[in-house]
C-alpha atoms as a PDB file:
ATOM      1  CA  MET A   1     -15.067  -1.017  16.924  1.00  0.00           C
ATOM      2  CA  THR A   2     -12.084  -3.333  16.638  1.00  0.00           C
ATOM      3  CA  PRO A   3     -11.185  -5.302  13.515  1.00  0.00           C
ATOM      4  CA  PRO A   4     -12.344  -8.934  13.504  1.00  0.00           C
ATOM      5  CA  ILE A   5      -8.778 -10.208  13.718  1.00  0.00           C
ATOM      6  CA  LEU A   6      -8.262  -8.365  17.028  1.00  0.00           C
ATOM      7  CA  ASP A   7     -11.641  -9.466  18.375  1.00  0.00           C
ATOM      8  CA  SER A   8     -10.621 -13.050  17.667  1.00  0.00           C
ATOM      9  CA  LEU A   9      -7.258 -12.614  19.377  1.00  0.00           C
ATOM     10  CA  LEU A  10      -8.888 -11.012  22.423  1.00  0.00           C
ATOM     11  CA  LYS A  11     -11.283 -13.937  22.688  1.00  0.00           C
ATOM     12  CA  HIS A  12      -8.733 -16.740  22.150  1.00  0.00           C
ATOM     13  CA  ASN A  13      -5.536 -15.282  23.609  1.00  0.00           C
ATOM     14  CA  PRO A  14      -6.251 -12.274  25.852  1.00  0.00           C
ATOM     15  CA  ASP A  15      -2.720 -12.261  27.327  1.00  0.00           C
ATOM     16  CA  LEU A  16      -1.127 -11.849  23.886  1.00  0.00           C
ATOM     17  CA  PHE A  17      -3.700  -9.218  22.920  1.00  0.00           C
ATOM     18  CA  ASN A  18      -3.044  -7.221  26.115  1.00  0.00           C
ATOM     19  CA  ALA A  19       0.738  -7.423  25.681  1.00  0.00           C
ATOM     20  CA  TRP A  20       0.466  -6.225  22.079  1.00  0.00           C
ATOM     21  CA  PHE A  21      -2.127  -3.540  22.832  1.00  0.00           C
ATOM     22  CA  ASN A  22      -0.559  -2.141  26.002  1.00  0.00           C
ATOM     23  CA  TYR A  23       3.121  -2.218  25.076  1.00  0.00           C
ATOM     24  CA  SER A  24       3.924  -1.995  21.418  1.00  0.00           C
ATOM     25  CA  GLN A  25       1.277  -2.447  18.723  1.00  0.00           C
ATOM     26  CA  ALA A  26       4.222  -3.009  16.395  1.00  0.00           C
ATOM     27  CA  LYS A  27       3.587  -2.843  12.669  1.00  0.00           C
ATOM     28  CA  VAL A  28       6.188  -3.640  10.015  1.00  0.00           C
ATOM     29  CA  ALA A  29       5.733  -3.434   6.240  1.00  0.00           C
ATOM     30  CA  LEU A  30       7.591  -6.071   4.232  1.00  0.00           C
ATOM     31  CA  LYS A  31       7.819  -6.615   0.489  1.00  0.00           C
ATOM     32  CA  ALA A  32       6.803  -9.928  -1.063  1.00  0.00           C
ATOM     33  CA  SER A  33       7.923 -10.900  -4.541  1.00  0.00           C
ATOM     34  CA  SER A  34       4.522 -12.032  -5.826  1.00  0.00           C
ATOM     35  CA  HIS A  35       0.845 -12.508  -5.067  1.00  0.00           C
ATOM     36  CA  GLU A  36       1.571 -16.201  -4.621  1.00  0.00           C
ATOM     37  CA  GLU A  37       4.101 -15.401  -1.913  1.00  0.00           C
ATOM     38  CA  LEU A  38       1.456 -13.373  -0.068  1.00  0.00           C
ATOM     39  CA  TRP A  39      -0.867 -16.386  -0.157  1.00  0.00           C
ATOM     40  CA  ASP A  40       2.001 -18.609   1.046  1.00  0.00           C
ATOM     41  CA  LEU A  41       2.561 -16.289   4.020  1.00  0.00           C
ATOM     42  CA  TYR A  42      -1.143 -16.387   4.823  1.00  0.00           C
ATOM     43  CA  ASP A  43      -1.230 -20.186   4.575  1.00  0.00           C
ATOM     44  CA  LYS A  44       1.856 -20.606   6.774  1.00  0.00           C
ATOM     45  CA  ALA A  45       0.384 -18.277   9.386  1.00  0.00           C
ATOM     46  CA  LYS A  46      -2.861 -20.280   9.452  1.00  0.00           C
ATOM     47  CA  ILE A  47      -0.985 -23.575   9.768  1.00  0.00           C
ATOM     48  CA  ASN A  48       1.090 -22.164  12.647  1.00  0.00           C
ATOM     49  CA  GLY A  49      -1.929 -20.750  14.493  1.00  0.00           C
ATOM     50  CA  ILE A  50      -0.966 -17.110  13.945  1.00  0.00           C
ATOM     51  CA  GLN A  51      -3.743 -14.551  13.653  1.00  0.00           C
ATOM     52  CA  CYS A  52      -3.829 -13.348  10.055  1.00  0.00           C
ATOM     53  CA  GLY A  53      -5.989 -11.713   7.450  1.00  0.00           C
ATOM     54  CA  ILE A  54      -5.732 -11.036   3.750  1.00  0.00           C
ATOM     55  CA  VAL A  55      -6.870  -7.871   1.974  1.00  0.00           C
ATOM     56  CA  LEU A  56      -8.268  -8.198  -1.540  1.00  0.00           C
ATOM     57  CA  ASP A  57      -9.506  -5.773  -4.168  1.00  0.00           C
ATOM     58  CA  GLU A  58     -13.304  -5.829  -4.349  1.00  0.00           C
ATOM     59  CA  LYS A  59     -13.046  -5.883  -8.158  1.00  0.00           C
ATOM     60  CA  GLU A  60     -11.040  -9.121  -7.925  1.00  0.00           C
ATOM     61  CA  LEU A  61     -13.866 -10.724  -5.987  1.00  0.00           C
ATOM     62  CA  PHE A  62     -16.981  -9.443  -7.699  1.00  0.00           C
ATOM     63  CA  GLY A  63     -15.898  -8.241 -11.139  1.00  0.00           C
ATOM     64  CA  GLN A  64     -16.333  -4.782 -12.624  1.00  0.00           C
ATOM     65  CA  SER A  65     -19.038  -2.745 -10.954  1.00  0.00           C
ATOM     66  CA  LYS A  66     -22.239  -2.067 -12.881  1.00  0.00           C
ATOM     67  CA  SER A  67     -21.603   1.671 -12.824  1.00  0.00           C
ATOM     68  CA  SER A  68     -18.243   1.931 -14.565  1.00  0.00           C
ATOM     69  CA  SER A  69     -18.236   5.620 -15.534  1.00  0.00           C
ATOM     70  CA  SER A  70     -15.329   7.637 -14.172  1.00  0.00           C
ATOM     71  CA  SER A  71     -17.705  10.114 -12.520  1.00  0.00           C
ATOM     72  CA  SER A  72     -19.455   7.471 -10.460  1.00  0.00           C
ATOM     73  CA  SER A  73     -18.537   6.797  -6.867  1.00  0.00           C
ATOM     74  CA  SER A  74     -17.951   3.128  -7.578  1.00  0.00           C
ATOM     75  CA  SER A  75     -16.534   1.127  -4.709  1.00  0.00           C
ATOM     76  CA  SER A  76     -14.635  -1.199  -7.035  1.00  0.00           C
ATOM     77  CA  SER A  77     -11.302   0.222  -5.921  1.00  0.00           C
ATOM     78  CA  LEU A  78     -11.989  -0.308  -2.218  1.00  0.00           C
ATOM     79  CA  SER A  79     -10.338  -3.112  -0.329  1.00  0.00           C
ATOM     80  CA  ILE A  80     -12.116  -5.519   1.963  1.00  0.00           C
ATOM     81  CA  GLU A  81     -10.702  -7.907   4.532  1.00  0.00           C
ATOM     82  CA  ILE A  82     -11.471 -11.556   3.920  1.00  0.00           C
ATOM     83  CA  GLU A  83     -11.207 -14.103   6.696  1.00  0.00           C
ATOM     84  CA  GLU A  84     -11.619 -17.873   6.554  1.00  0.00           C
ATOM     85  CA  LYS A  85     -12.588 -17.863   2.867  1.00  0.00           C
ATOM     86  CA  LYS A  86     -12.000 -21.103   0.994  1.00  0.00           C
ATOM     87  CA  TRP A  87     -10.872 -20.680  -2.615  1.00  0.00           C
ATOM     88  CA  ASN A  88     -11.530 -23.360  -5.182  1.00  0.00           C
ATOM     89  CA  GLU A  89      -9.385 -23.031  -8.286  1.00  0.00           C
ATOM     90  CA  THR A  90      -7.661 -19.670  -8.628  1.00  0.00           C
ATOM     91  CA  ARG A  91      -7.113 -17.409  -5.665  1.00  0.00           C
ATOM     92  CA  PRO A  92      -7.677 -13.682  -6.221  1.00  0.00           C
ATOM     93  CA  ARG A  93      -4.672 -11.373  -6.117  1.00  0.00           C
ATOM     94  CA  PRO A  94      -4.177  -9.936  -2.620  1.00  0.00           C
ATOM     95  CA  TYR A  95      -3.056  -6.389  -1.808  1.00  0.00           C
ATOM     96  CA  CYS A  96      -1.462  -7.432   1.445  1.00  0.00           C
ATOM     97  CA  VAL A  97      -1.436  -9.943   4.273  1.00  0.00           C
ATOM     98  CA  ALA A  98      -1.694  -9.001   7.943  1.00  0.00           C
ATOM     99  CA  LEU A  99       0.171 -11.296  10.327  1.00  0.00           C
ATOM    100  CA  GLY A 100      -0.363 -11.137  14.077  1.00  0.00           C
ATOM    101  CA  PRO A 101      -0.446  -9.873  16.655  1.00  0.00           C
ATOM    102  CA  ALA A 102       1.888 -12.713  17.573  1.00  0.00           C
ATOM    103  CA  SER A 103       5.300 -13.169  19.125  1.00  0.00           C
ATOM    104  CA  VAL A 104       8.254 -11.697  17.262  1.00  0.00           C
ATOM    105  CA  GLU A 105       9.717 -15.187  16.939  1.00  0.00           C
ATOM    106  CA  SER A 106       6.622 -16.685  15.308  1.00  0.00           C
ATOM    107  CA  ILE A 107       6.275 -13.795  12.842  1.00  0.00           C
ATOM    108  CA  THR A 108       9.998 -13.950  12.009  1.00  0.00           C
ATOM    109  CA  ASN A 109       9.771 -17.691  11.352  1.00  0.00           C
ATOM    110  CA  ILE A 110       7.236 -16.991   8.609  1.00  0.00           C
ATOM    111  CA  SER A 111       8.380 -13.663   7.190  1.00  0.00           C
ATOM    112  CA  GLY A 112      12.039 -13.311   8.202  1.00  0.00           C
ATOM    113  CA  HIS A 113      13.251 -13.805   4.612  1.00  0.00           C
ATOM    114  CA  LEU A 114      11.413 -10.690   3.369  1.00  0.00           C
ATOM    115  CA  LYS A 115      12.955  -7.226   2.978  1.00  0.00           C
ATOM    116  CA  LEU A 116      11.526  -4.065   4.550  1.00  0.00           C
ATOM    117  CA  LEU A 117       9.224  -2.097   2.239  1.00  0.00           C
END
């Protein structure tokens, strides 16, 4: 089972998917200065047609779980990937943003100012 972001890339740009999958599958971790900067990266990627996803804390989305005891197996600390979600007033705080697969040039244009994690 492939993640939705890769399914979408395979459907819309199979040549890019195959190049990424067969040759590199590069992954780089970069440090953003704030949650707002993560949202800015996500927005810029969307505007530029780059495959992207944002990972949020479930607690941020749905509030504290009903079973809040420390012995429970609450899923409130799990992360979920959100795609194409429209936020009204305040955006939740993201854990990270996934950019690509895309060309090195297009990723660098959006994230080249960030330092390695």
